[in-house]
Structures are given as structure tokens and as C-alpha cells.
Amino acid sequence: MADSVVSQILEQQVLSVAKAVEDKLDEEIAALERLDPDDIEALRERRIQQMRRAAERRAKWRALGHGEYTEVPEKEFFAAAKASERLVCHFYRDNWPCKRNKQDA
């Protein structure tokens, strides 16, 4: 009996969440249907600008060496770290077993 009560409550909660999501989607669809051609063109231009900025950012990252596995000399480490927003590094010593193998490159 307790299981049926729990399942009913769970079902009601799932239905209410589904209804809320459906209502939100309906509102978004209605807003899109109300757009005139000028609004659509403005959205298009904004998206083109976003894509251009993303392409410029990727090109800058590539120029900085992102996506490459390189060994940075100790004296150049901080300059390399400051040049990028994100950095992944692996510190090692020659006598440690985690020394990078040539096949990893």
C-alpha cells in the first residue's frame, strides 16, 4: 500500500515537471513565431558574430600551441602559463616512472 502511495506521488511530481517544461517550450515557440524578418536577421547577425569570435579564439589558441603536447623548459613555464586562460601540465622527473614516453608524443 505504501508503495502505491509513493508511486502516485512520484507520478504526480513527474507530470507536474513535464507540464512546466512543456509550458516553457510552448512560450518559446510562440515567441519565435512572433518574430518578424528584422528580428530574425538580428538574431542571425548576432550568431554570426559569436561564431567569428569563437573562430578567432580557436585560432589564437592554436597560435599559442593549444592542442599540442610540448615540453616547456622550466624557465619558460610561468610565461607559458600566463599566456593562456587554461593550461594542463604534467610535472615529472627523469627518474620517476611517469616520464613521458616517445610514443605518447
N, C-alpha and C. Protein backbone atom coordinates (compact mmCIF):
# COMPACT_ATOMS: atom_id res chain seq x y z
N MET A 1 0.82 -1.18 0.00
CA MET A 1 0.00 0.00 0.00
C MET A 1 0.87 1.25 0.00
N ALA A 2 1.91 1.25 0.81
CA ALA A 2 2.80 2.41 0.88
C ALA A 2 3.50 2.62 -0.46
N ASP A 3 3.81 1.50 -1.14
CA ASP A 3 4.45 1.62 -2.44
C ASP A 3 3.55 2.30 -3.46
N SER A 4 2.26 2.01 -3.41
CA SER A 4 1.34 2.62 -4.38
C SER A 4 1.19 4.12 -4.10
N VAL A 5 1.20 4.51 -2.84
CA VAL A 5 1.11 5.92 -2.49
C VAL A 5 2.37 6.66 -2.98
N VAL A 6 3.51 6.05 -2.76
CA VAL A 6 4.78 6.65 -3.19
C VAL A 6 4.81 6.76 -4.71
N SER A 7 4.36 5.72 -5.40
CA SER A 7 4.38 5.76 -6.86
C SER A 7 3.39 6.81 -7.39
N GLN A 8 2.25 6.98 -6.73
CA GLN A 8 1.30 8.01 -7.14
C GLN A 8 1.88 9.41 -6.95
N ILE A 9 2.53 9.62 -5.82
CA ILE A 9 3.15 10.92 -5.56
C ILE A 9 4.26 11.18 -6.57
N LEU A 10 5.05 10.18 -6.83
CA LEU A 10 6.14 10.30 -7.81
C LEU A 10 5.59 10.61 -9.20
N GLU A 11 4.51 9.90 -9.56
CA GLU A 11 3.89 10.13 -10.86
C GLU A 11 3.36 11.57 -10.97
N GLN A 12 2.74 12.07 -9.91
CA GLN A 12 2.22 13.44 -9.92
C GLN A 12 3.35 14.46 -10.06
N GLN A 13 4.44 14.21 -9.38
CA GLN A 13 5.58 15.12 -9.46
C GLN A 13 6.18 15.12 -10.87
N VAL A 14 6.33 13.95 -11.46
CA VAL A 14 6.87 13.85 -12.82
C VAL A 14 5.94 14.55 -13.80
N LEU A 15 4.65 14.36 -13.65
CA LEU A 15 3.69 15.02 -14.54
C LEU A 15 3.73 16.54 -14.38
N SER A 16 3.87 17.02 -13.16
CA SER A 16 3.90 18.46 -12.97
C SER A 16 5.18 19.07 -13.56
N VAL A 17 6.28 18.37 -13.42
CA VAL A 17 7.53 18.86 -14.01
C VAL A 17 7.43 18.83 -15.53
N ALA A 18 6.87 17.76 -16.09
CA ALA A 18 6.71 17.66 -17.54
C ALA A 18 5.79 18.77 -18.06
N LYS A 19 4.75 19.07 -17.31
CA LYS A 19 3.83 20.14 -17.71
C LYS A 19 4.54 21.50 -17.69
N ALA A 20 5.36 21.74 -16.68
CA ALA A 20 6.09 23.00 -16.60
C ALA A 20 7.07 23.14 -17.77
N VAL A 21 7.76 22.07 -18.10
CA VAL A 21 8.70 22.10 -19.23
C VAL A 21 7.95 22.32 -20.53
N GLU A 22 6.83 21.65 -20.70
CA GLU A 22 6.02 21.82 -21.91
C GLU A 22 5.51 23.25 -22.03
N ASP A 23 5.06 23.83 -20.93
CA ASP A 23 4.59 25.22 -20.97
C ASP A 23 5.71 26.18 -21.36
N LYS A 24 6.89 25.95 -20.82
CA LYS A 24 8.03 26.81 -21.16
C LYS A 24 8.38 26.69 -22.64
N LEU A 25 8.38 25.48 -23.16
CA LEU A 25 8.66 25.27 -24.59
C LEU A 25 7.59 25.93 -25.45
N ASP A 26 6.33 25.82 -25.04
CA ASP A 26 5.25 26.47 -25.79
C ASP A 26 5.44 27.99 -25.83
N GLU A 27 5.87 28.56 -24.71
CA GLU A 27 6.13 30.00 -24.67
C GLU A 27 7.26 30.38 -25.62
N GLU A 28 8.32 29.59 -25.63
CA GLU A 28 9.46 29.87 -26.52
C GLU A 28 9.05 29.75 -27.99
N ILE A 29 8.27 28.74 -28.31
CA ILE A 29 7.80 28.57 -29.69
C ILE A 29 6.92 29.75 -30.10
N ALA A 30 6.04 30.17 -29.21
CA ALA A 30 5.17 31.32 -29.51
C ALA A 30 6.00 32.59 -29.72
N ALA A 31 7.04 32.77 -28.91
CA ALA A 31 7.90 33.94 -29.07
C ALA A 31 8.62 33.90 -30.41
N LEU A 32 9.07 32.73 -30.83
CA LEU A 32 9.75 32.59 -32.12
C LEU A 32 8.78 32.85 -33.28
N GLU A 33 7.54 32.43 -33.12
CA GLU A 33 6.55 32.64 -34.17
C GLU A 33 6.18 34.13 -34.32
N ARG A 34 6.36 34.90 -33.24
CA ARG A 34 6.04 36.32 -33.29
C ARG A 34 7.17 37.17 -33.89
N LEU A 35 8.32 36.57 -34.15
CA LEU A 35 9.45 37.32 -34.69
C LEU A 35 9.16 37.79 -36.11
N ASP A 36 9.54 39.02 -36.39
CA ASP A 36 9.41 39.50 -37.76
C ASP A 36 10.77 39.31 -38.46
N PRO A 37 10.83 39.51 -39.76
CA PRO A 37 12.09 39.28 -40.50
C PRO A 37 13.28 40.10 -39.97
N ASP A 38 13.03 41.30 -39.48
CA ASP A 38 14.13 42.11 -38.92
C ASP A 38 14.71 41.46 -37.66
N ASP A 39 13.82 40.92 -36.83
CA ASP A 39 14.29 40.24 -35.61
C ASP A 39 15.11 39.01 -35.97
N ILE A 40 14.65 38.27 -36.95
CA ILE A 40 15.37 37.07 -37.38
C ILE A 40 16.74 37.45 -37.93
N GLU A 41 16.79 38.53 -38.70
CA GLU A 41 18.08 38.99 -39.25
C GLU A 41 19.02 39.42 -38.13
N ALA A 42 18.49 40.07 -37.10
CA ALA A 42 19.31 40.49 -35.97
C ALA A 42 19.86 39.27 -35.23
N LEU A 43 19.02 38.25 -35.04
CA LEU A 43 19.49 37.01 -34.41
C LEU A 43 20.58 36.36 -35.24
N ARG A 44 20.39 36.36 -36.55
CA ARG A 44 21.36 35.76 -37.46
C ARG A 44 22.70 36.48 -37.37
N GLU A 45 22.67 37.81 -37.38
CA GLU A 45 23.90 38.60 -37.30
C GLU A 45 24.61 38.37 -35.96
N ARG A 46 23.84 38.30 -34.89
CA ARG A 46 24.43 38.06 -33.58
C ARG A 46 25.11 36.69 -33.54
N ARG A 47 24.46 35.70 -34.13
CA ARG A 47 25.05 34.35 -34.16
C ARG A 47 26.31 34.32 -35.02
N ILE A 48 26.30 35.03 -36.14
CA ILE A 48 27.49 35.09 -36.99
C ILE A 48 28.66 35.71 -36.22
N GLN A 49 28.38 36.76 -35.47
CA GLN A 49 29.43 37.40 -34.67
C GLN A 49 29.97 36.46 -33.60
N GLN A 50 29.08 35.69 -32.97
CA GLN A 50 29.52 34.72 -31.97
C GLN A 50 30.42 33.67 -32.61
N MET A 51 30.05 33.21 -33.80
CA MET A 51 30.85 32.19 -34.49
C MET A 51 32.21 32.76 -34.90
N ARG A 52 32.25 34.02 -35.32
CA ARG A 52 33.52 34.64 -35.69
C ARG A 52 34.44 34.78 -34.47
N ARG A 53 33.87 35.21 -33.34
CA ARG A 53 34.68 35.33 -32.13
C ARG A 53 35.21 33.97 -31.69
N ALA A 54 34.39 32.94 -31.81
CA ALA A 54 34.84 31.60 -31.44
C ALA A 54 35.96 31.13 -32.36
N ALA A 55 35.85 31.41 -33.66
CA ALA A 55 36.90 31.03 -34.61
C ALA A 55 38.19 31.79 -34.32
N GLU A 56 38.09 33.07 -34.00
CA GLU A 56 39.27 33.86 -33.65
C GLU A 56 39.93 33.32 -32.39
N ARG A 57 39.10 32.96 -31.41
CA ARG A 57 39.62 32.41 -30.16
C ARG A 57 40.35 31.09 -30.41
N ARG A 58 39.76 30.22 -31.26
CA ARG A 58 40.42 28.94 -31.58
C ARG A 58 41.73 29.18 -32.31
N ALA A 59 41.76 30.14 -33.23
CA ALA A 59 42.99 30.44 -33.97
C ALA A 59 44.07 30.96 -33.02
N LYS A 60 43.66 31.80 -32.07
CA LYS A 60 44.62 32.33 -31.09
C LYS A 60 45.17 31.19 -30.23
N TRP A 61 44.29 30.28 -29.81
CA TRP A 61 44.74 29.15 -29.00
C TRP A 61 45.73 28.28 -29.78
N ARG A 62 45.42 28.04 -31.05
CA ARG A 62 46.33 27.25 -31.88
C ARG A 62 47.69 27.93 -32.00
N ALA A 63 47.67 29.26 -32.17
CA ALA A 63 48.92 30.01 -32.28
C ALA A 63 49.73 29.93 -30.98
N LEU A 64 49.04 29.82 -29.86
CA LEU A 64 49.72 29.68 -28.57
C LEU A 64 50.15 28.25 -28.28
N GLY A 65 49.81 27.32 -29.19
CA GLY A 65 50.23 25.93 -29.00
C GLY A 65 49.21 25.04 -28.32
N HIS A 66 47.98 25.51 -28.19
CA HIS A 66 46.95 24.67 -27.58
C HIS A 66 46.71 23.44 -28.45
N GLY A 67 46.43 22.33 -27.80
CA GLY A 67 46.16 21.09 -28.51
C GLY A 67 47.42 20.33 -28.84
N GLU A 68 48.55 20.79 -28.39
CA GLU A 68 49.81 20.13 -28.65
C GLU A 68 50.43 19.69 -27.33
N TYR A 69 51.16 18.61 -27.39
CA TYR A 69 51.88 18.12 -26.22
C TYR A 69 53.32 18.55 -26.39
N THR A 70 53.74 19.53 -25.64
CA THR A 70 55.10 20.04 -25.76
C THR A 70 55.77 20.09 -24.39
N GLU A 71 57.06 19.98 -24.42
CA GLU A 71 57.83 20.09 -23.18
C GLU A 71 58.32 21.53 -23.08
N VAL A 72 57.97 22.17 -21.98
CA VAL A 72 58.33 23.57 -21.77
C VAL A 72 59.50 23.62 -20.79
N PRO A 73 60.57 24.31 -21.16
CA PRO A 73 61.68 24.45 -20.20
C PRO A 73 61.22 25.14 -18.92
N GLU A 74 61.85 24.80 -17.85
CA GLU A 74 61.45 25.29 -16.53
C GLU A 74 61.39 26.82 -16.48
N LYS A 75 62.32 27.49 -17.11
CA LYS A 75 62.37 28.95 -17.07
C LYS A 75 61.23 29.59 -17.85
N GLU A 76 60.64 28.88 -18.80
CA GLU A 76 59.57 29.41 -19.64
C GLU A 76 58.18 29.03 -19.15
N PHE A 77 58.12 28.25 -18.08
CA PHE A 77 56.83 27.72 -17.63
C PHE A 77 55.84 28.83 -17.27
N PHE A 78 56.25 29.78 -16.45
CA PHE A 78 55.31 30.80 -15.99
C PHE A 78 54.85 31.70 -17.13
N ALA A 79 55.73 31.98 -18.08
CA ALA A 79 55.33 32.77 -19.24
C ALA A 79 54.28 32.01 -20.05
N ALA A 80 54.48 30.71 -20.23
CA ALA A 80 53.51 29.89 -20.97
C ALA A 80 52.19 29.81 -20.21
N ALA A 81 52.26 29.69 -18.90
CA ALA A 81 51.05 29.58 -18.09
C ALA A 81 50.25 30.89 -18.10
N LYS A 82 50.93 32.02 -18.09
CA LYS A 82 50.25 33.30 -18.08
C LYS A 82 49.65 33.65 -19.44
N ALA A 83 50.19 33.05 -20.50
CA ALA A 83 49.72 33.37 -21.86
C ALA A 83 48.36 32.76 -22.16
N SER A 84 47.94 31.79 -21.37
CA SER A 84 46.69 31.08 -21.65
C SER A 84 45.74 31.14 -20.47
N GLU A 85 44.47 31.11 -20.80
CA GLU A 85 43.44 31.08 -19.75
C GLU A 85 43.43 29.73 -19.05
N ARG A 86 43.70 28.67 -19.82
CA ARG A 86 43.70 27.30 -19.28
C ARG A 86 45.02 26.63 -19.65
N LEU A 87 45.44 25.72 -18.78
CA LEU A 87 46.70 25.02 -19.01
C LEU A 87 46.63 23.67 -18.34
N VAL A 88 47.08 22.67 -19.04
CA VAL A 88 47.22 21.34 -18.47
C VAL A 88 48.70 21.04 -18.46
N CYS A 89 49.21 20.64 -17.31
CA CYS A 89 50.64 20.36 -17.26
C CYS A 89 50.88 19.06 -16.49
N HIS A 90 51.99 18.45 -16.81
CA HIS A 90 52.39 17.20 -16.18
C HIS A 90 53.83 17.38 -15.73
N PHE A 91 54.03 17.46 -14.44
CA PHE A 91 55.37 17.60 -13.89
C PHE A 91 55.96 16.21 -13.70
N TYR A 92 57.22 16.08 -14.00
CA TYR A 92 57.87 14.78 -13.84
C TYR A 92 59.36 14.98 -13.59
N ARG A 93 59.98 13.89 -13.21
CA ARG A 93 61.43 13.83 -13.09
C ARG A 93 61.90 12.66 -13.93
N ASP A 94 63.13 12.75 -14.40
CA ASP A 94 63.64 11.70 -15.27
C ASP A 94 63.67 10.34 -14.60
N ASN A 95 63.85 10.29 -13.29
CA ASN A 95 63.94 9.00 -12.60
C ASN A 95 62.59 8.49 -12.10
N TRP A 96 61.51 9.16 -12.40
CA TRP A 96 60.18 8.71 -11.99
C TRP A 96 59.58 7.86 -13.10
N PRO A 97 58.71 6.92 -12.75
CA PRO A 97 58.13 6.06 -13.79
C PRO A 97 57.12 6.78 -14.69
N CYS A 98 56.70 7.97 -14.34
CA CYS A 98 55.72 8.68 -15.16
C CYS A 98 56.37 9.49 -16.27
N LYS A 99 57.65 9.36 -16.45
CA LYS A 99 58.36 10.06 -17.53
C LYS A 99 57.64 9.77 -18.84
N ARG A 100 57.41 10.81 -19.61
CA ARG A 100 56.68 10.68 -20.88
C ARG A 100 57.47 9.83 -21.85
N ASN A 101 56.79 8.85 -22.43
CA ASN A 101 57.42 8.01 -23.44
C ASN A 101 57.39 8.68 -24.79
N LYS A 102 58.27 8.32 -25.68
CA LYS A 102 58.30 8.89 -27.01
C LYS A 102 57.02 8.54 -27.77
N GLN A 103 56.41 7.40 -27.46
CA GLN A 103 55.19 7.01 -28.17
C GLN A 103 53.99 7.86 -27.78
N ASP A 104 54.04 8.56 -26.64
CA ASP A 104 52.95 9.44 -26.22
C ASP A 104 52.87 10.71 -27.04
N ALA A 105 53.97 11.10 -27.64
CA ALA A 105 54.02 12.37 -28.36
C ALA A 105 53.22 12.32 -29.65
